[in-house]
Amino acid sequence: MEIALKIVLVIFSLGLIGVVLLQRGKSAGLSGAISGGAEHLFGKQKARGLDLVLQRATIVLAVGFFVLSLIVAYVVKA
């Protein structure tokens, strides 16, 4: 049981790392800093398509990683 939980935890952690690395940055250097002010002034559309999927996947994987970490810590301690 403990080994299976640890394997699932490693899978969640690798998935979380991969999803975070696939996401686009909020700003791209100096040009992002300049356009960032315009986005605040004129508004920016929410993320679309793949960006939205990656954001939701990040949330799901982060929550799963946190919960699994707590469960593994409890199982190992017991």
PDB file of N, CA and C in Angstrom:
ATOM      1  N   MET A   1       0.825  -1.189   0.000  1.00  0.00           N
ATOM      2  CA  MET A   1       0.000   0.000   0.000  1.00  0.00           C
ATOM      3  C   MET A   1       0.871   1.255   0.000  1.00  0.00           C
ATOM      4  N   GLU A   2       1.887   1.247   0.867  1.00  0.00           N
ATOM      5  CA  GLU A   2       2.771   2.399   0.967  1.00  0.00           C
ATOM      6  C   GLU A   2       3.528   2.636  -0.337  1.00  0.00           C
ATOM      7  N   ILE A   3       4.002   1.581  -0.941  1.00  0.00           N
ATOM      8  CA  ILE A   3       4.753   1.705  -2.193  1.00  0.00           C
ATOM      9  C   ILE A   3       3.853   2.204  -3.314  1.00  0.00           C
ATOM     10  N   ALA A   4       2.630   1.711  -3.378  1.00  0.00           N
ATOM     11  CA  ALA A   4       1.693   2.153  -4.414  1.00  0.00           C
ATOM     12  C   ALA A   4       1.383   3.643  -4.266  1.00  0.00           C
ATOM     13  N   LEU A   5       1.194   4.103  -3.032  1.00  0.00           N
ATOM     14  CA  LEU A   5       0.932   5.525  -2.805  1.00  0.00           C
ATOM     15  C   LEU A   5       2.129   6.380  -3.200  1.00  0.00           C
ATOM     16  N   LYS A   6       3.326   5.902  -2.909  1.00  0.00           N
ATOM     17  CA  LYS A   6       4.524   6.643  -3.282  1.00  0.00           C
ATOM     18  C   LYS A   6       4.686   6.713  -4.799  1.00  0.00           C
ATOM     19  N   ILE A   7       4.354   5.638  -5.487  1.00  0.00           N
ATOM     20  CA  ILE A   7       4.431   5.639  -6.948  1.00  0.00           C
ATOM     21  C   ILE A   7       3.439   6.636  -7.532  1.00  0.00           C
ATOM     22  N   VAL A   8       2.216   6.660  -7.008  1.00  0.00           N
ATOM     23  CA  VAL A   8       1.211   7.615  -7.478  1.00  0.00           C
ATOM     24  C   VAL A   8       1.658   9.040  -7.169  1.00  0.00           C
ATOM     25  N   LEU A   9       2.303   9.245  -6.013  1.00  0.00           N
ATOM     26  CA  LEU A   9       2.804  10.571  -5.651  1.00  0.00           C
ATOM     27  C   LEU A   9       3.888  11.028  -6.631  1.00  0.00           C
ATOM     28  N   VAL A  10       4.770  10.127  -7.019  1.00  0.00           N
ATOM     29  CA  VAL A  10       5.812  10.467  -7.998  1.00  0.00           C
ATOM     30  C   VAL A  10       5.182  10.805  -9.350  1.00  0.00           C
ATOM     31  N   ILE A  11       4.165  10.064  -9.751  1.00  0.00           N
ATOM     32  CA  ILE A  11       3.486  10.339 -11.018  1.00  0.00           C
ATOM     33  C   ILE A  11       2.828  11.717 -10.970  1.00  0.00           C
ATOM     34  N   PHE A  12       2.171  12.038  -9.858  1.00  0.00           N
ATOM     35  CA  PHE A  12       1.553  13.358  -9.711  1.00  0.00           C
ATOM     36  C   PHE A  12       2.607  14.460  -9.749  1.00  0.00           C
ATOM     37  N   SER A  13       3.731  14.233  -9.078  1.00  0.00           N
ATOM     38  CA  SER A  13       4.768  15.268  -9.047  1.00  0.00           C
ATOM     39  C   SER A  13       5.377  15.488 -10.432  1.00  0.00           C
ATOM     40  N   LEU A  14       5.643  14.425 -11.162  1.00  0.00           N
ATOM     41  CA  LEU A  14       6.176  14.577 -12.514  1.00  0.00           C
ATOM     42  C   LEU A  14       5.153  15.233 -13.446  1.00  0.00           C
ATOM     43  N   GLY A  15       3.893  14.869 -13.286  1.00  0.00           N
ATOM     44  CA  GLY A  15       2.840  15.504 -14.080  1.00  0.00           C
ATOM     45  C   GLY A  15       2.728  16.982 -13.772  1.00  0.00           C
ATOM     46  N   LEU A  16       2.825  17.347 -12.508  1.00  0.00           N
ATOM     47  CA  LEU A  16       2.752  18.749 -12.109  1.00  0.00           C
ATOM     48  C   LEU A  16       3.934  19.537 -12.677  1.00  0.00           C
ATOM     49  N   ILE A  17       5.111  18.967 -12.613  1.00  0.00           N
ATOM     50  CA  ILE A  17       6.292  19.622 -13.175  1.00  0.00           C
ATOM     51  C   ILE A  17       6.110  19.825 -14.679  1.00  0.00           C
ATOM     52  N   GLY A  18       5.651  18.793 -15.367  1.00  0.00           N
ATOM     53  CA  GLY A  18       5.450  18.892 -16.814  1.00  0.00           C
ATOM     54  C   GLY A  18       4.419  19.935 -17.198  1.00  0.00           C
ATOM     55  N   VAL A  19       3.304  19.964 -16.483  1.00  0.00           N
ATOM     56  CA  VAL A  19       2.235  20.917 -16.811  1.00  0.00           C
ATOM     57  C   VAL A  19       2.697  22.348 -16.555  1.00  0.00           C
ATOM     58  N   VAL A  20       3.424  22.561 -15.469  1.00  0.00           N
ATOM     59  CA  VAL A  20       3.908  23.908 -15.173  1.00  0.00           C
ATOM     60  C   VAL A  20       4.906  24.365 -16.234  1.00  0.00           C
ATOM     61  N   LEU A  21       5.773  23.465 -16.678  1.00  0.00           N
ATOM     62  CA  LEU A  21       6.747  23.838 -17.702  1.00  0.00           C
ATOM     63  C   LEU A  21       6.100  24.091 -19.061  1.00  0.00           C
ATOM     64  N   LEU A  22       4.963  23.487 -19.330  1.00  0.00           N
ATOM     65  CA  LEU A  22       4.280  23.699 -20.607  1.00  0.00           C
ATOM     66  C   LEU A  22       3.527  25.019 -20.669  1.00  0.00           C
ATOM     67  N   GLN A  23       3.259  25.622 -19.533  1.00  0.00           N
ATOM     68  CA  GLN A  23       2.480  26.855 -19.527  1.00  0.00           C
ATOM     69  C   GLN A  23       3.294  28.018 -20.066  1.00  0.00           C
ATOM     70  N   ARG A  24       2.571  28.932 -20.678  1.00  0.00           N
ATOM     71  CA  ARG A  24       3.188  30.121 -21.225  1.00  0.00           C
ATOM     72  C   ARG A  24       3.424  31.113 -20.085  1.00  0.00           C
ATOM     73  N   GLY A  25       4.516  31.844 -20.145  1.00  0.00           N
ATOM     74  CA  GLY A  25       4.828  32.841 -19.122  1.00  0.00           C
ATOM     75  C   GLY A  25       3.865  34.010 -19.172  1.00  0.00           C
ATOM     76  N   LYS A  26       3.721  34.694 -18.058  1.00  0.00           N
ATOM     77  CA  LYS A  26       2.823  35.850 -17.990  1.00  0.00           C
ATOM     78  C   LYS A  26       3.385  37.028 -18.775  1.00  0.00           C
ATOM     79  N   SER A  27       4.691  37.177 -18.793  1.00  0.00           N
ATOM     80  CA  SER A  27       5.297  38.259 -19.563  1.00  0.00           C
ATOM     81  C   SER A  27       6.548  37.727 -20.233  1.00  0.00           C
ATOM     82  N   ALA A  28       6.884  38.343 -21.342  1.00  0.00           N
ATOM     83  CA  ALA A  28       8.049  37.895 -22.096  1.00  0.00           C
ATOM     84  C   ALA A  28       9.107  38.989 -22.068  1.00  0.00           C
ATOM     85  N   GLY A  29       9.789  39.129 -20.959  1.00  0.00           N
ATOM     86  CA  GLY A  29      10.859  40.112 -20.845  1.00  0.00           C
ATOM     87  C   GLY A  29      10.345  41.539 -20.855  1.00  0.00           C
ATOM     88  N   LEU A  30      11.106  42.420 -21.491  1.00  0.00           N
ATOM     89  CA  LEU A  30      10.779  43.840 -21.512  1.00  0.00           C
ATOM     90  C   LEU A  30       9.505  44.111 -22.303  1.00  0.00           C
ATOM     91  N   SER A  31       9.317  43.394 -23.403  1.00  0.00           N
ATOM     92  CA  SER A  31       8.099  43.608 -24.199  1.00  0.00           C
ATOM     93  C   SER A  31       6.859  43.204 -23.408  1.00  0.00           C
ATOM     94  N   GLY A  32       6.969  42.183 -22.589  1.00  0.00           N
ATOM     95  CA  GLY A  32       5.851  41.782 -21.741  1.00  0.00           C
ATOM     96  C   GLY A  32       5.565  42.800 -20.655  1.00  0.00           C
ATOM     97  N   ALA A  33       6.621  43.431 -20.147  1.00  0.00           N
ATOM     98  CA  ALA A  33       6.434  44.452 -19.114  1.00  0.00           C
ATOM     99  C   ALA A  33       5.736  45.675 -19.691  1.00  0.00           C
ATOM    100  N   ILE A  34       6.078  46.031 -20.920  1.00  0.00           N
ATOM    101  CA  ILE A  34       5.467  47.196 -21.563  1.00  0.00           C
ATOM    102  C   ILE A  34       4.011  46.900 -21.920  1.00  0.00           C
ATOM    103  N   SER A  35       3.768  45.746 -22.503  1.00  0.00           N
ATOM    104  CA  SER A  35       2.392  45.415 -22.891  1.00  0.00           C
ATOM    105  C   SER A  35       1.542  45.066 -21.675  1.00  0.00           C
ATOM    106  N   GLY A  36       2.176  44.710 -20.574  1.00  0.00           N
ATOM    107  CA  GLY A  36       1.430  44.382 -19.365  1.00  0.00           C
ATOM    108  C   GLY A  36       0.614  45.553 -18.861  1.00  0.00           C
ATOM    109  N   GLY A  37       1.173  46.769 -18.969  1.00  0.00           N
ATOM    110  CA  GLY A  37       0.431  47.953 -18.568  1.00  0.00           C
ATOM    111  C   GLY A  37      -0.783  48.179 -19.439  1.00  0.00           C
ATOM    112  N   ALA A  38      -0.641  47.939 -20.731  1.00  0.00           N
ATOM    113  CA  ALA A  38      -1.769  48.104 -21.647  1.00  0.00           C
ATOM    114  C   ALA A  38      -2.850  47.066 -21.370  1.00  0.00           C
ATOM    115  N   GLU A  39      -2.441  45.871 -20.984  1.00  0.00           N
ATOM    116  CA  GLU A  39      -3.420  44.835 -20.681  1.00  0.00           C
ATOM    117  C   GLU A  39      -4.239  45.206 -19.453  1.00  0.00           C
ATOM    118  N   HIS A  40      -3.602  45.821 -18.467  1.00  0.00           N
ATOM    119  CA  HIS A  40      -4.341  46.242 -17.283  1.00  0.00           C
ATOM    120  C   HIS A  40      -5.294  47.381 -17.612  1.00  0.00           C
ATOM    121  N   LEU A  41      -4.868  48.265 -18.515  1.00  0.00           N
ATOM    122  CA  LEU A  41      -5.682  49.423 -18.859  1.00  0.00           C
ATOM    123  C   LEU A  41      -6.877  49.025 -19.720  1.00  0.00           C
ATOM    124  N   PHE A  42      -6.631  48.238 -20.745  1.00  0.00           N
ATOM    125  CA  PHE A  42      -7.687  47.883 -21.699  1.00  0.00           C
ATOM    126  C   PHE A  42      -8.335  46.537 -21.413  1.00  0.00           C
ATOM    127  N   GLY A  43      -7.799  45.803 -20.486  1.00  0.00           N
ATOM    128  CA  GLY A  43      -8.341  44.481 -20.180  1.00  0.00           C
ATOM    129  C   GLY A  43      -7.759  43.433 -21.100  1.00  0.00           C
ATOM    130  N   LYS A  44      -7.724  42.230 -20.624  1.00  0.00           N
ATOM    131  CA  LYS A  44      -7.180  41.125 -21.413  1.00  0.00           C
ATOM    132  C   LYS A  44      -8.159  39.974 -21.352  1.00  0.00           C
ATOM    133  N   GLN A  45      -8.307  39.288 -22.468  1.00  0.00           N
ATOM    134  CA  GLN A  45      -9.200  38.140 -22.492  1.00  0.00           C
ATOM    135  C   GLN A  45      -8.597  37.015 -21.667  1.00  0.00           C
ATOM    136  N   LYS A  46      -9.480  36.230 -21.098  1.00  0.00           N
ATOM    137  CA  LYS A  46      -9.022  35.093 -20.304  1.00  0.00           C
ATOM    138  C   LYS A  46      -8.326  34.079 -21.215  1.00  0.00           C
ATOM    139  N   ALA A  47      -7.608  33.181 -20.583  1.00  0.00           N
ATOM    140  CA  ALA A  47      -6.881  32.166 -21.322  1.00  0.00           C
ATOM    141  C   ALA A  47      -7.837  31.309 -22.140  1.00  0.00           C
ATOM    142  N   ARG A  48      -7.391  30.911 -23.306  1.00  0.00           N
ATOM    143  CA  ARG A  48      -8.214  30.102 -24.188  1.00  0.00           C
ATOM    144  C   ARG A  48      -7.528  28.775 -24.481  1.00  0.00           C
ATOM    145  N   GLY A  49      -8.335  27.838 -24.875  1.00  0.00           N
ATOM    146  CA  GLY A  49      -7.841  26.573 -25.399  1.00  0.00           C
ATOM    147  C   GLY A  49      -6.881  25.853 -24.486  1.00  0.00           C
ATOM    148  N   LEU A  50      -5.675  25.667 -25.001  1.00  0.00           N
ATOM    149  CA  LEU A  50      -4.668  24.881 -24.294  1.00  0.00           C
ATOM    150  C   LEU A  50      -4.259  25.544 -22.983  1.00  0.00           C
ATOM    151  N   ASP A  51      -4.208  26.868 -22.959  1.00  0.00           N
ATOM    152  CA  ASP A  51      -3.847  27.558 -21.716  1.00  0.00           C
ATOM    153  C   ASP A  51      -4.844  27.254 -20.603  1.00  0.00           C
ATOM    154  N   LEU A  52      -6.111  27.243 -20.943  1.00  0.00           N
ATOM    155  CA  LEU A  52      -7.153  26.957 -19.953  1.00  0.00           C
ATOM    156  C   LEU A  52      -7.050  25.515 -19.457  1.00  0.00           C
ATOM    157  N   VAL A  53      -6.796  24.598 -20.367  1.00  0.00           N
ATOM    158  CA  VAL A  53      -6.643  23.189 -19.986  1.00  0.00           C
ATOM    159  C   VAL A  53      -5.437  23.020 -19.073  1.00  0.00           C
ATOM    160  N   LEU A  54      -4.329  23.694 -19.405  1.00  0.00           N
ATOM    161  CA  LEU A  54      -3.131  23.587 -18.577  1.00  0.00           C
ATOM    162  C   LEU A  54      -3.338  24.206 -17.201  1.00  0.00           C
ATOM    163  N   GLN A  55      -4.080  25.300 -17.127  1.00  0.00           N
ATOM    164  CA  GLN A  55      -4.364  25.907 -15.825  1.00  0.00           C
ATOM    165  C   GLN A  55      -5.186  24.967 -14.949  1.00  0.00           C
ATOM    166  N   ARG A  56      -6.207  24.384 -15.537  1.00  0.00           N
ATOM    167  CA  ARG A  56      -7.057  23.467 -14.758  1.00  0.00           C
ATOM    168  C   ARG A  56      -6.295  22.202 -14.372  1.00  0.00           C
ATOM    169  N   ALA A  57      -5.467  21.700 -15.277  1.00  0.00           N
ATOM    170  CA  ALA A  57      -4.668  20.513 -14.967  1.00  0.00           C
ATOM    171  C   ALA A  57      -3.688  20.817 -13.835  1.00  0.00           C
ATOM    172  N   THR A  58      -3.138  22.021 -13.819  1.00  0.00           N
ATOM    173  CA  THR A  58      -2.222  22.416 -12.752  1.00  0.00           C
ATOM    174  C   THR A  58      -2.933  22.421 -11.411  1.00  0.00           C
ATOM    175  N   ILE A  59      -4.137  22.945 -11.383  1.00  0.00           N
ATOM    176  CA  ILE A  59      -4.904  22.988 -10.135  1.00  0.00           C
ATOM    177  C   ILE A  59      -5.209  21.578  -9.646  1.00  0.00           C
ATOM    178  N   VAL A  60      -5.673  20.728 -10.547  1.00  0.00           N
ATOM    179  CA  VAL A  60      -6.019  19.355 -10.175  1.00  0.00           C
ATOM    180  C   VAL A  60      -4.787  18.599  -9.679  1.00  0.00           C
ATOM    181  N   LEU A  61      -3.682  18.712 -10.407  1.00  0.00           N
ATOM    182  CA  LEU A  61      -2.472  17.997 -10.009  1.00  0.00           C
ATOM    183  C   LEU A  61      -1.897  18.539  -8.703  1.00  0.00           C
ATOM    184  N   ALA A  62      -1.978  19.850  -8.492  1.00  0.00           N
ATOM    185  CA  ALA A  62      -1.459  20.435  -7.253  1.00  0.00           C
ATOM    186  C   ALA A  62      -2.276  19.969  -6.048  1.00  0.00           C
ATOM    187  N   VAL A  63      -3.585  19.963  -6.184  1.00  0.00           N
ATOM    188  CA  VAL A  63      -4.440  19.492  -5.081  1.00  0.00           C
ATOM    189  C   VAL A  63      -4.192  18.008  -4.835  1.00  0.00           C
ATOM    190  N   GLY A  64      -4.100  17.229  -5.901  1.00  0.00           N
ATOM    191  CA  GLY A  64      -3.827  15.800  -5.755  1.00  0.00           C
ATOM    192  C   GLY A  64      -2.480  15.536  -5.104  1.00  0.00           C
ATOM    193  N   PHE A  65      -1.473  16.311  -5.495  1.00  0.00           N
ATOM    194  CA  PHE A  65      -0.145  16.165  -4.908  1.00  0.00           C
ATOM    195  C   PHE A  65      -0.168  16.481  -3.416  1.00  0.00           C
ATOM    196  N   PHE A  66      -0.866  17.546  -3.050  1.00  0.00           N
ATOM    197  CA  PHE A  66      -0.952  17.942  -1.644  1.00  0.00           C
ATOM    198  C   PHE A  66      -1.655  16.876  -0.811  1.00  0.00           C
ATOM    199  N   VAL A  67      -2.790  16.394  -1.307  1.00  0.00           N
ATOM    200  CA  VAL A  67      -3.559  15.381  -0.576  1.00  0.00           C
ATOM    201  C   VAL A  67      -2.766  14.077  -0.470  1.00  0.00           C
ATOM    202  N   LEU A  68      -2.154  13.666  -1.568  1.00  0.00           N
ATOM    203  CA  LEU A  68      -1.354  12.435  -1.536  1.00  0.00           C
ATOM    204  C   LEU A  68      -0.158  12.569  -0.602  1.00  0.00           C
ATOM    205  N   SER A  69       0.444  13.750  -0.553  1.00  0.00           N
ATOM    206  CA  SER A  69       1.567  13.953   0.369  1.00  0.00           C
ATOM    207  C   SER A  69       1.131  13.761   1.815  1.00  0.00           C
ATOM    208  N   LEU A  70      -0.028  14.305   2.152  1.00  0.00           N
ATOM    209  CA  LEU A  70      -0.542  14.126   3.504  1.00  0.00           C
ATOM    210  C   LEU A  70      -0.859  12.666   3.803  1.00  0.00           C
ATOM    211  N   ILE A  71      -1.448  11.977   2.836  1.00  0.00           N
ATOM    212  CA  ILE A  71      -1.808  10.563   3.032  1.00  0.00           C
ATOM    213  C   ILE A  71      -0.550   9.718   3.192  1.00  0.00           C
ATOM    214  N   VAL A  72       0.447   9.947   2.341  1.00  0.00           N
ATOM    215  CA  VAL A  72       1.703   9.179   2.436  1.00  0.00           C
ATOM    216  C   VAL A  72       2.381   9.448   3.773  1.00  0.00           C
ATOM    217  N   ALA A  73       2.391  10.686   4.211  1.00  0.00           N
ATOM    218  CA  ALA A  73       3.005  11.007   5.514  1.00  0.00           C
ATOM    219  C   ALA A  73       2.277  10.298   6.640  1.00  0.00           C
ATOM    220  N   TYR A  74       0.962  10.237   6.572  1.00  0.00           N
ATOM    221  CA  TYR A  74       0.180   9.554   7.620  1.00  0.00           C
ATOM    222  C   TYR A  74       0.438   8.045   7.595  1.00  0.00           C
ATOM    223  N   VAL A  75       0.486   7.452   6.394  1.00  0.00           N
ATOM    224  CA  VAL A  75       0.690   6.009   6.269  1.00  0.00           C
ATOM    225  C   VAL A  75       2.099   5.623   6.742  1.00  0.00           C
ATOM    226  N   VAL A  76       3.087   6.421   6.405  1.00  0.00           N
ATOM    227  CA  VAL A  76       4.453   6.109   6.791  1.00  0.00           C
ATOM    228  C   VAL A  76       4.614   6.232   8.307  1.00  0.00           C
ATOM    229  N   LYS A  77       3.959   7.220   8.897  1.00  0.00           N
ATOM    230  CA  LYS A  77       4.056   7.430  10.342  1.00  0.00           C
ATOM    231  C   LYS A  77       3.348   6.337  11.123  1.00  0.00           C
ATOM    232  N   ALA A  78       2.253   5.825  10.589  1.00  0.00           N
ATOM    233  CA  ALA A  78       1.455   4.836  11.305  1.00  0.00           C
ATOM    234  C   ALA A  78       2.068   3.457  11.303  1.00  0.00           C
TER     235      ALA A  78
END
